[in-house]
PDB file of N, CA and C in Angstrom:
ATOM      1  N   MET A   1     -90.705   1.753  80.494  1.00  0.00           N
ATOM      2  CA  MET A   1     -91.792   2.109  79.631  1.00  0.00           C
ATOM      3  C   MET A   1     -92.367   3.441  80.100  1.00  0.00           C
ATOM      4  N   ARG A   2     -92.680   4.277  79.140  1.00  0.00           N
ATOM      5  CA  ARG A   2     -93.267   5.579  79.461  1.00  0.00           C
ATOM      6  C   ARG A   2     -94.679   5.651  78.876  1.00  0.00           C
ATOM      7  N   LYS A   3     -95.522   6.404  79.554  1.00  0.00           N
ATOM      8  CA  LYS A   3     -96.864   6.646  79.035  1.00  0.00           C
ATOM      9  C   LYS A   3     -97.269   8.064  79.413  1.00  0.00           C
ATOM     10  N   ALA A   4     -98.358   8.523  78.849  1.00  0.00           N
ATOM     11  CA  ALA A   4     -98.796   9.903  79.054  1.00  0.00           C
ATOM     12  C   ALA A   4     -98.968  10.207  80.536  1.00  0.00           C
ATOM     13  N   PRO A   5     -98.734  11.421  80.947  1.00  0.00           N
ATOM     14  CA  PRO A   5     -98.377  12.572  80.104  1.00  0.00           C
ATOM     15  C   PRO A   5     -96.888  12.578  79.758  1.00  0.00           C
ATOM     16  N   PHE A   6     -96.598  12.843  78.495  1.00  0.00           N
ATOM     17  CA  PHE A   6     -95.223  12.922  78.022  1.00  0.00           C
ATOM     18  C   PHE A   6     -94.715  14.345  78.170  1.00  0.00           C
ATOM     19  N   GLY A   7     -93.458  14.478  78.479  1.00  0.00           N
ATOM     20  CA  GLY A   7     -92.878  15.801  78.669  1.00  0.00           C
ATOM     21  C   GLY A   7     -91.734  16.066  77.714  1.00  0.00           C
ATOM     22  N   LYS A   8     -90.885  16.987  78.117  1.00  0.00           N
ATOM     23  CA  LYS A   8     -89.729  17.372  77.311  1.00  0.00           C
ATOM     24  C   LYS A   8     -88.486  16.679  77.852  1.00  0.00           C
ATOM     25  N   ALA A   9     -87.525  16.445  76.952  1.00  0.00           N
ATOM     26  CA  ALA A   9     -86.258  15.832  77.353  1.00  0.00           C
ATOM     27  C   ALA A   9     -85.134  16.447  76.533  1.00  0.00           C
ATOM     28  N   ARG A  10     -83.988  16.607  77.165  1.00  0.00           N
ATOM     29  CA  ARG A  10     -82.811  17.163  76.493  1.00  0.00           C
ATOM     30  C   ARG A  10     -81.870  16.020  76.144  1.00  0.00           C
ATOM     31  N   LEU A  11     -81.459  15.964  74.862  1.00  0.00           N
ATOM     32  CA  LEU A  11     -80.551  14.914  74.411  1.00  0.00           C
ATOM     33  C   LEU A  11     -79.182  15.067  75.060  1.00  0.00           C
ATOM     34  N   LEU A  12     -78.532  13.938  75.350  1.00  0.00           N
ATOM     35  CA  LEU A  12     -77.211  13.958  75.976  1.00  0.00           C
ATOM     36  C   LEU A  12     -76.122  14.464  75.042  1.00  0.00           C
ATOM     37  N   ASP A  13     -76.187  14.068  73.769  1.00  0.00           N
ATOM     38  CA  ASP A  13     -75.078  14.344  72.859  1.00  0.00           C
ATOM     39  C   ASP A  13     -75.246  15.611  72.031  1.00  0.00           C
ATOM     40  N   ASP A  14     -76.298  16.367  72.271  1.00  0.00           N
ATOM     41  CA  ASP A  14     -76.513  17.599  71.515  1.00  0.00           C
ATOM     42  C   ASP A  14     -77.400  18.507  72.365  1.00  0.00           C
ATOM     43  N   ASP A  15     -77.309  19.796  72.143  1.00  0.00           N
ATOM     44  CA  ASP A  15     -78.124  20.733  72.906  1.00  0.00           C
ATOM     45  C   ASP A  15     -79.487  20.870  72.233  1.00  0.00           C
ATOM     46  N   VAL A  16     -80.246  19.770  72.242  1.00  0.00           N
ATOM     47  CA  VAL A  16     -81.551  19.726  71.596  1.00  0.00           C
ATOM     48  C   VAL A  16     -82.581  19.273  72.623  1.00  0.00           C
ATOM     49  N   MET A  17     -83.702  19.993  72.670  1.00  0.00           N
ATOM     50  CA  MET A  17     -84.813  19.638  73.544  1.00  0.00           C
ATOM     51  C   MET A  17     -85.908  19.032  72.673  1.00  0.00           C
ATOM     52  N   VAL A  18     -86.436  17.881  73.088  1.00  0.00           N
ATOM     53  CA  VAL A  18     -87.512  17.215  72.365  1.00  0.00           C
ATOM     54  C   VAL A  18     -88.756  17.244  73.247  1.00  0.00           C
ATOM     55  N   ASP A  19     -89.869  17.709  72.686  1.00  0.00           N
ATOM     56  CA  ASP A  19     -91.143  17.704  73.406  1.00  0.00           C
ATOM     57  C   ASP A  19     -91.940  16.496  72.924  1.00  0.00           C
ATOM     58  N   PHE A  20     -91.894  15.423  73.699  1.00  0.00           N
ATOM     59  CA  PHE A  20     -92.532  14.177  73.285  1.00  0.00           C
ATOM     60  C   PHE A  20     -94.051  14.283  73.242  1.00  0.00           C
ATOM     61  N   SER A  21     -94.636  15.255  73.925  1.00  0.00           N
ATOM     62  CA  SER A  21     -96.091  15.419  73.867  1.00  0.00           C
ATOM     63  C   SER A  21     -96.544  15.848  72.473  1.00  0.00           C
ATOM     64  N   GLU A  22     -95.623  16.402  71.671  1.00  0.00           N
ATOM     65  CA  GLU A  22     -95.966  16.830  70.310  1.00  0.00           C
ATOM     66  C   GLU A  22     -95.984  15.669  69.319  1.00  0.00           C
ATOM     67  N   VAL A  23     -95.376  14.539  69.675  1.00  0.00           N
ATOM     68  CA  VAL A  23     -95.280  13.415  68.734  1.00  0.00           C
ATOM     69  C   VAL A  23     -95.921  12.141  69.288  1.00  0.00           C
ATOM     70  N   THR A  24     -96.681  12.268  70.371  1.00  0.00           N
ATOM     71  CA  THR A  24     -97.370  11.121  70.958  1.00  0.00           C
ATOM     72  C   THR A  24     -98.820  11.490  71.235  1.00  0.00           C
ATOM     73  N   THR A  25     -99.611  10.484  71.542  1.00  0.00           N
ATOM     74  CA  THR A  25    -101.003  10.706  71.938  1.00  0.00           C
ATOM     75  C   THR A  25    -101.160  10.280  73.398  1.00  0.00           C
ATOM     76  N   PRO A  26    -102.245  10.673  74.050  1.00  0.00           N
ATOM     77  CA  PRO A  26    -102.459  10.270  75.445  1.00  0.00           C
ATOM     78  C   PRO A  26    -102.547   8.752  75.636  1.00  0.00           C
ATOM     79  N   ASN A  27    -102.794   8.004  74.558  1.00  0.00           N
ATOM     80  CA  ASN A  27    -102.922   6.547  74.659  1.00  0.00           C
ATOM     81  C   ASN A  27    -101.619   5.802  74.380  1.00  0.00           C
ATOM     82  N   ASP A  28    -100.575   6.510  73.949  1.00  0.00           N
ATOM     83  CA  ASP A  28     -99.319   5.856  73.583  1.00  0.00           C
ATOM     84  C   ASP A  28     -98.562   5.332  74.794  1.00  0.00           C
ATOM     85  N   LYS A  29     -97.828   4.257  74.556  1.00  0.00           N
ATOM     86  CA  LYS A  29     -96.857   3.713  75.505  1.00  0.00           C
ATOM     87  C   LYS A  29     -95.556   3.601  74.725  1.00  0.00           C
ATOM     88  N   VAL A  30     -94.461   4.063  75.306  1.00  0.00           N
ATOM     89  CA  VAL A  30     -93.198   4.135  74.578  1.00  0.00           C
ATOM     90  C   VAL A  30     -92.088   3.471  75.384  1.00  0.00           C
ATOM     91  N   SER A  31     -91.355   2.581  74.722  1.00  0.00           N
ATOM     92  CA  SER A  31     -90.156   1.980  75.302  1.00  0.00           C
ATOM     93  C   SER A  31     -89.030   2.153  74.303  1.00  0.00           C
ATOM     94  N   VAL A  32     -87.893   2.594  74.787  1.00  0.00           N
ATOM     95  CA  VAL A  32     -86.707   2.763  73.947  1.00  0.00           C
ATOM     96  C   VAL A  32     -85.625   1.854  74.506  1.00  0.00           C
ATOM     97  N   ILE A  33     -85.108   0.980  73.658  1.00  0.00           N
ATOM     98  CA  ILE A  33     -84.018   0.092  74.052  1.00  0.00           C
ATOM     99  C   ILE A  33     -82.755   0.672  73.432  1.00  0.00           C
ATOM    100  N   ALA A  34     -81.796   1.041  74.270  1.00  0.00           N
ATOM    101  CA  ALA A  34     -80.567   1.687  73.796  1.00  0.00           C
ATOM    102  C   ALA A  34     -79.381   1.173  74.602  1.00  0.00           C
ATOM    103  N   THR A  35     -78.203   1.250  73.999  1.00  0.00           N
ATOM    104  CA  THR A  35     -76.992   0.820  74.694  1.00  0.00           C
ATOM    105  C   THR A  35     -76.715   1.701  75.903  1.00  0.00           C
ATOM    106  N   LEU A  36     -76.930   3.000  75.746  1.00  0.00           N
ATOM    107  CA  LEU A  36     -76.696   3.982  76.809  1.00  0.00           C
ATOM    108  C   LEU A  36     -77.870   4.951  76.853  1.00  0.00           C
ATOM    109  N   PRO A  37     -78.109   5.626  77.989  1.00  0.00           N
ATOM    110  CA  PRO A  37     -79.171   6.632  78.046  1.00  0.00           C
ATOM    111  C   PRO A  37     -78.995   7.692  76.953  1.00  0.00           C
ATOM    112  N   LEU A  38     -80.110   8.144  76.404  1.00  0.00           N
ATOM    113  CA  LEU A  38     -80.077   9.119  75.315  1.00  0.00           C
ATOM    114  C   LEU A  38     -80.409  10.534  75.770  1.00  0.00           C
ATOM    115  N   THR A  39     -81.020  10.655  76.941  1.00  0.00           N
ATOM    116  CA  THR A  39     -81.417  11.970  77.444  1.00  0.00           C
ATOM    117  C   THR A  39     -80.862  12.169  78.847  1.00  0.00           C
ATOM    118  N   ARG A  40     -80.751  13.446  79.244  1.00  0.00           N
ATOM    119  CA  ARG A  40     -80.150  13.732  80.554  1.00  0.00           C
ATOM    120  C   ARG A  40     -81.160  14.029  81.647  1.00  0.00           C
ATOM    121  N   ASP A  41     -82.399  14.261  81.307  1.00  0.00           N
ATOM    122  CA  ASP A  41     -83.369  14.654  82.330  1.00  0.00           C
ATOM    123  C   ASP A  41     -84.540  13.674  82.455  1.00  0.00           C
ATOM    124  N   GLU A  42     -84.273  12.415  82.152  1.00  0.00           N
ATOM    125  CA  GLU A  42     -85.265  11.363  82.321  1.00  0.00           C
ATOM    126  C   GLU A  42     -84.617  10.213  83.087  1.00  0.00           C
ATOM    127  N   THR A  43     -85.434   9.381  83.689  1.00  0.00           N
ATOM    128  CA  THR A  43     -84.927   8.204  84.388  1.00  0.00           C
ATOM    129  C   THR A  43     -84.840   7.044  83.404  1.00  0.00           C
ATOM    130  N   TRP A  44     -83.680   6.439  83.330  1.00  0.00           N
ATOM    131  CA  TRP A  44     -83.457   5.280  82.463  1.00  0.00           C
ATOM    132  C   TRP A  44     -83.243   4.051  83.329  1.00  0.00           C
ATOM    133  N   SER A  45     -83.769   2.913  82.904  1.00  0.00           N
ATOM    134  CA  SER A  45     -83.569   1.645  83.612  1.00  0.00           C
ATOM    135  C   SER A  45     -82.603   0.797  82.805  1.00  0.00           C
ATOM    136  N   GLN A  46     -81.542   0.341  83.446  1.00  0.00           N
ATOM    137  CA  GLN A  46     -80.538  -0.459  82.755  1.00  0.00           C
ATOM    138  C   GLN A  46     -80.907  -1.935  82.829  1.00  0.00           C
ATOM    139  N   LEU A  47     -80.792  -2.626  81.691  1.00  0.00           N
ATOM    140  CA  LEU A  47     -80.984  -4.067  81.673  1.00  0.00           C
ATOM    141  C   LEU A  47     -79.678  -4.743  82.057  1.00  0.00           C
ATOM    142  N   ALA A  48     -79.786  -5.867  82.739  1.00  0.00           N
ATOM    143  CA  ALA A  48     -78.605  -6.649  83.107  1.00  0.00           C
ATOM    144  C   ALA A  48     -78.140  -7.463  81.900  1.00  0.00           C
ATOM    145  N   VAL A  49     -76.885  -7.878  81.929  1.00  0.00           N
ATOM    146  CA  VAL A  49     -76.374  -8.798  80.914  1.00  0.00           C
ATOM    147  C   VAL A  49     -77.234 -10.064  80.984  1.00  0.00           C
ATOM    148  N   ASN A  50     -77.692 -10.536  79.823  1.00  0.00           N
ATOM    149  CA  ASN A  50     -78.535 -11.739  79.694  1.00  0.00           C
ATOM    150  C   ASN A  50     -79.936 -11.581  80.287  1.00  0.00           C
ATOM    151  N   GLU A  51     -80.382 -10.360  80.513  1.00  0.00           N
ATOM    152  CA  GLU A  51     -81.758 -10.136  80.956  1.00  0.00           C
ATOM    153  C   GLU A  51     -82.665 -10.107  79.739  1.00  0.00           C
ATOM    154  N   LEU A  52     -83.851 -10.661  79.885  1.00  0.00           N
ATOM    155  CA  LEU A  52     -84.841 -10.693  78.813  1.00  0.00           C
ATOM    156  C   LEU A  52     -86.068  -9.911  79.255  1.00  0.00           C
ATOM    157  N   VAL A  53     -86.541  -9.029  78.388  1.00  0.00           N
ATOM    158  CA  VAL A  53     -87.791  -8.316  78.633  1.00  0.00           C
ATOM    159  C   VAL A  53     -88.615  -8.420  77.358  1.00  0.00           C
ATOM    160  N   MET A  54     -89.860  -8.876  77.476  1.00  0.00           N
ATOM    161  CA  MET A  54     -90.736  -9.029  76.322  1.00  0.00           C
ATOM    162  C   MET A  54     -91.907  -8.053  76.461  1.00  0.00           C
ATOM    163  N   PHE A  55     -92.203  -7.358  75.361  1.00  0.00           N
ATOM    164  CA  PHE A  55     -93.284  -6.378  75.332  1.00  0.00           C
ATOM    165  C   PHE A  55     -94.406  -6.866  74.423  1.00  0.00           C
ATOM    166  N   GLN A  56     -95.635  -6.518  74.778  1.00  0.00           N
ATOM    167  CA  GLN A  56     -96.780  -6.743  73.901  1.00  0.00           C
ATOM    168  C   GLN A  56     -97.696  -5.539  74.042  1.00  0.00           C
ATOM    169  N   ASP A  57     -97.982  -4.891  72.926  1.00  0.00           N
ATOM    170  CA  ASP A  57     -98.831  -3.696  72.920  1.00  0.00           C
ATOM    171  C   ASP A  57     -98.329  -2.644  73.903  1.00  0.00           C
ATOM    172  N   GLY A  58     -97.011  -2.540  74.038  1.00  0.00           N
ATOM    173  CA  GLY A  58     -96.412  -1.517  74.880  1.00  0.00           C
ATOM    174  C   GLY A  58     -96.272  -1.868  76.350  1.00  0.00           C
ATOM    175  N   ASP A  59     -96.774  -3.024  76.747  1.00  0.00           N
ATOM    176  CA  ASP A  59     -96.669  -3.451  78.143  1.00  0.00           C
ATOM    177  C   ASP A  59     -95.631  -4.555  78.282  1.00  0.00           C
ATOM    178  N   ILE A  60     -94.941  -4.592  79.410  1.00  0.00           N
ATOM    179  CA  ILE A  60     -94.017  -5.687  79.694  1.00  0.00           C
ATOM    180  C   ILE A  60     -94.852  -6.900  80.081  1.00  0.00           C
ATOM    181  N   VAL A  61     -94.703  -7.996  79.317  1.00  0.00           N
ATOM    182  CA  VAL A  61     -95.466  -9.211  79.599  1.00  0.00           C
ATOM    183  C   VAL A  61     -94.573 -10.315  80.161  1.00  0.00           C
ATOM    184  N   LEU A  62     -93.250 -10.158  80.043  1.00  0.00           N
ATOM    185  CA  LEU A  62     -92.321 -11.136  80.598  1.00  0.00           C
ATOM    186  C   LEU A  62     -91.008 -10.445  80.900  1.00  0.00           C
ATOM    187  N   SER A  63     -90.465 -10.721  82.057  1.00  0.00           N
ATOM    188  CA  SER A  63     -89.157 -10.192  82.424  1.00  0.00           C
ATOM    189  C   SER A  63     -88.399 -11.302  83.140  1.00  0.00           C
ATOM    190  N   ASP A  64     -87.198 -11.603  82.663  1.00  0.00           N
ATOM    191  CA  ASP A  64     -86.385 -12.656  83.262  1.00  0.00           C
ATOM    192  C   ASP A  64     -84.972 -12.120  83.461  1.00  0.00           C
ATOM    193  N   ARG A  65     -84.609 -11.892  84.718  1.00  0.00           N
ATOM    194  CA  ARG A  65     -83.292 -11.354  85.062  1.00  0.00           C
ATOM    195  C   ARG A  65     -82.489 -12.458  85.752  1.00  0.00           C
ATOM    196  N   PRO A  66     -81.197 -12.569  85.435  1.00  0.00           N
ATOM    197  CA  PRO A  66     -80.363 -13.571  86.112  1.00  0.00           C
ATOM    198  C   PRO A  66     -80.393 -13.385  87.631  1.00  0.00           C
ATOM    199  N   ASP A  67     -80.166 -14.471  88.362  1.00  0.00           N
ATOM    200  CA  ASP A  67     -80.173 -14.419  89.827  1.00  0.00           C
ATOM    201  C   ASP A  67     -79.144 -13.441  90.380  1.00  0.00           C
ATOM    202  N   ASN A  68     -77.982 -13.402  89.768  1.00  0.00           N
ATOM    203  CA  ASN A  68     -76.921 -12.477  90.176  1.00  0.00           C
ATOM    204  C   ASN A  68     -76.629 -11.538  89.010  1.00  0.00           C
ATOM    205  N   PRO A  69     -77.480 -10.520  88.805  1.00  0.00           N
ATOM    206  CA  PRO A  69     -77.336  -9.675  87.615  1.00  0.00           C
ATOM    207  C   PRO A  69     -76.011  -8.919  87.576  1.00  0.00           C
ATOM    208  N   VAL A  70     -75.487  -8.809  86.355  1.00  0.00           N
ATOM    209  CA  VAL A  70     -74.264  -8.052  86.088  1.00  0.00           C
ATOM    210  C   VAL A  70     -74.648  -6.937  85.126  1.00  0.00           C
ATOM    211  N   TYR A  71     -74.164  -5.734  85.382  1.00  0.00           N
ATOM    212  CA  TYR A  71     -74.493  -4.587  84.542  1.00  0.00           C
ATOM    213  C   TYR A  71     -73.230  -4.060  83.882  1.00  0.00           C
ATOM    214  N   MET A  72     -73.341  -3.729  82.592  1.00  0.00           N
ATOM    215  CA  MET A  72     -72.204  -3.178  81.861  1.00  0.00           C
ATOM    216  C   MET A  72     -71.936  -1.742  82.264  1.00  0.00           C
ATOM    217  N   SER A  73     -70.686  -1.353  82.164  1.00  0.00           N
ATOM    218  CA  SER A  73     -70.318   0.050  82.355  1.00  0.00           C
ATOM    219  C   SER A  73     -70.634   0.803  81.068  1.00  0.00           C
ATOM    220  N   ALA A  74     -70.622   2.120  81.135  1.00  0.00           N
ATOM    221  CA  ALA A  74     -70.842   2.940  79.939  1.00  0.00           C
ATOM    222  C   ALA A  74     -69.785   2.632  78.888  1.00  0.00           C
ATOM    223  N   GLU A  75     -68.529   2.458  79.307  1.00  0.00           N
ATOM    224  CA  GLU A  75     -67.455   2.170  78.346  1.00  0.00           C
ATOM    225  C   GLU A  75     -67.674   0.826  77.654  1.00  0.00           C
ATOM    226  N   GLU A  76     -68.134  -0.174  78.388  1.00  0.00           N
ATOM    227  CA  GLU A  76     -68.418  -1.476  77.770  1.00  0.00           C
ATOM    228  C   GLU A  76     -69.550  -1.353  76.752  1.00  0.00           C
ATOM    229  N   GLY A  77     -70.573  -0.563  77.073  1.00  0.00           N
ATOM    230  CA  GLY A  77     -71.666  -0.338  76.133  1.00  0.00           C
ATOM    231  C   GLY A  77     -71.196   0.360  74.875  1.00  0.00           C
ATOM    232  N   LEU A  78     -70.325   1.363  75.040  1.00  0.00           N
ATOM    233  CA  LEU A  78     -69.770   2.063  73.874  1.00  0.00           C
ATOM    234  C   LEU A  78     -68.914   1.133  73.030  1.00  0.00           C
ATOM    235  N   GLU A  79     -68.164   0.257  73.665  1.00  0.00           N
ATOM    236  CA  GLU A  79     -67.319  -0.689  72.937  1.00  0.00           C
ATOM    237  C   GLU A  79     -68.170  -1.609  72.061  1.00  0.00           C
ATOM    238  N   ILE A  80     -69.286  -2.077  72.589  1.00  0.00           N
ATOM    239  CA  ILE A  80     -70.194  -2.918  71.803  1.00  0.00           C
ATOM    240  C   ILE A  80     -70.789  -2.116  70.651  1.00  0.00           C
ATOM    241  N   ALA A  81     -71.208  -0.888  70.917  1.00  0.00           N
ATOM    242  CA  ALA A  81     -71.779  -0.041  69.863  1.00  0.00           C
ATOM    243  C   ALA A  81     -70.773   0.160  68.734  1.00  0.00           C
ATOM    244  N   ARG A  82     -69.531   0.436  69.084  1.00  0.00           N
ATOM    245  CA  ARG A  82     -68.494   0.614  68.052  1.00  0.00           C
ATOM    246  C   ARG A  82     -68.283  -0.674  67.262  1.00  0.00           C
ATOM    247  N   ALA A  83     -68.315  -1.812  67.941  1.00  0.00           N
ATOM    248  CA  ALA A  83     -68.070  -3.101  67.291  1.00  0.00           C
ATOM    249  C   ALA A  83     -69.123  -3.420  66.230  1.00  0.00           C
ATOM    250  N   VAL A  84     -70.337  -2.909  66.411  1.00  0.00           N
ATOM    251  CA  VAL A  84     -71.386  -3.169  65.425  1.00  0.00           C
ATOM    252  C   VAL A  84     -71.542  -2.021  64.433  1.00  0.00           C
ATOM    253  N   GLY A  85     -70.622  -1.061  64.484  1.00  0.00           N
ATOM    254  CA  GLY A  85     -70.592  -0.019  63.467  1.00  0.00           C
ATOM    255  C   GLY A  85     -71.301   1.272  63.789  1.00  0.00           C
ATOM    256  N   VAL A  86     -71.708   1.463  65.035  1.00  0.00           N
ATOM    257  CA  VAL A  86     -72.364   2.715  65.410  1.00  0.00           C
ATOM    258  C   VAL A  86     -71.307   3.791  65.599  1.00  0.00           C
ATOM    259  N   SER A  87     -71.561   4.971  65.074  1.00  0.00           N
ATOM    260  CA  SER A  87     -70.641   6.091  65.242  1.00  0.00           C
ATOM    261  C   SER A  87     -70.889   6.725  66.604  1.00  0.00           C
ATOM    262  N   VAL A  88     -69.893   6.633  67.489  1.00  0.00           N
ATOM    263  CA  VAL A  88     -70.046   7.207  68.833  1.00  0.00           C
ATOM    264  C   VAL A  88     -68.924   8.162  69.140  1.00  0.00           C
TER     265      VAL A  88
END
């Protein structure tokens, strides 16, 4: 989860810089759930297979991770994205 101050980030798949401070307010909290990281200059946290995270009003209110977490590789994430019709 991210909160102010928001900065700039460069997208991984295109040479585009996004200034998140231009599209957010100081009170915003932002969480992005994605198969793979979308930007190259931000820290991304990977969820484990079968991990549950519940948000309310932008805050994590419940997190349940398996005792022996397993994490997908980038290729496994892309394979799932392709299987559901995402163009990658």
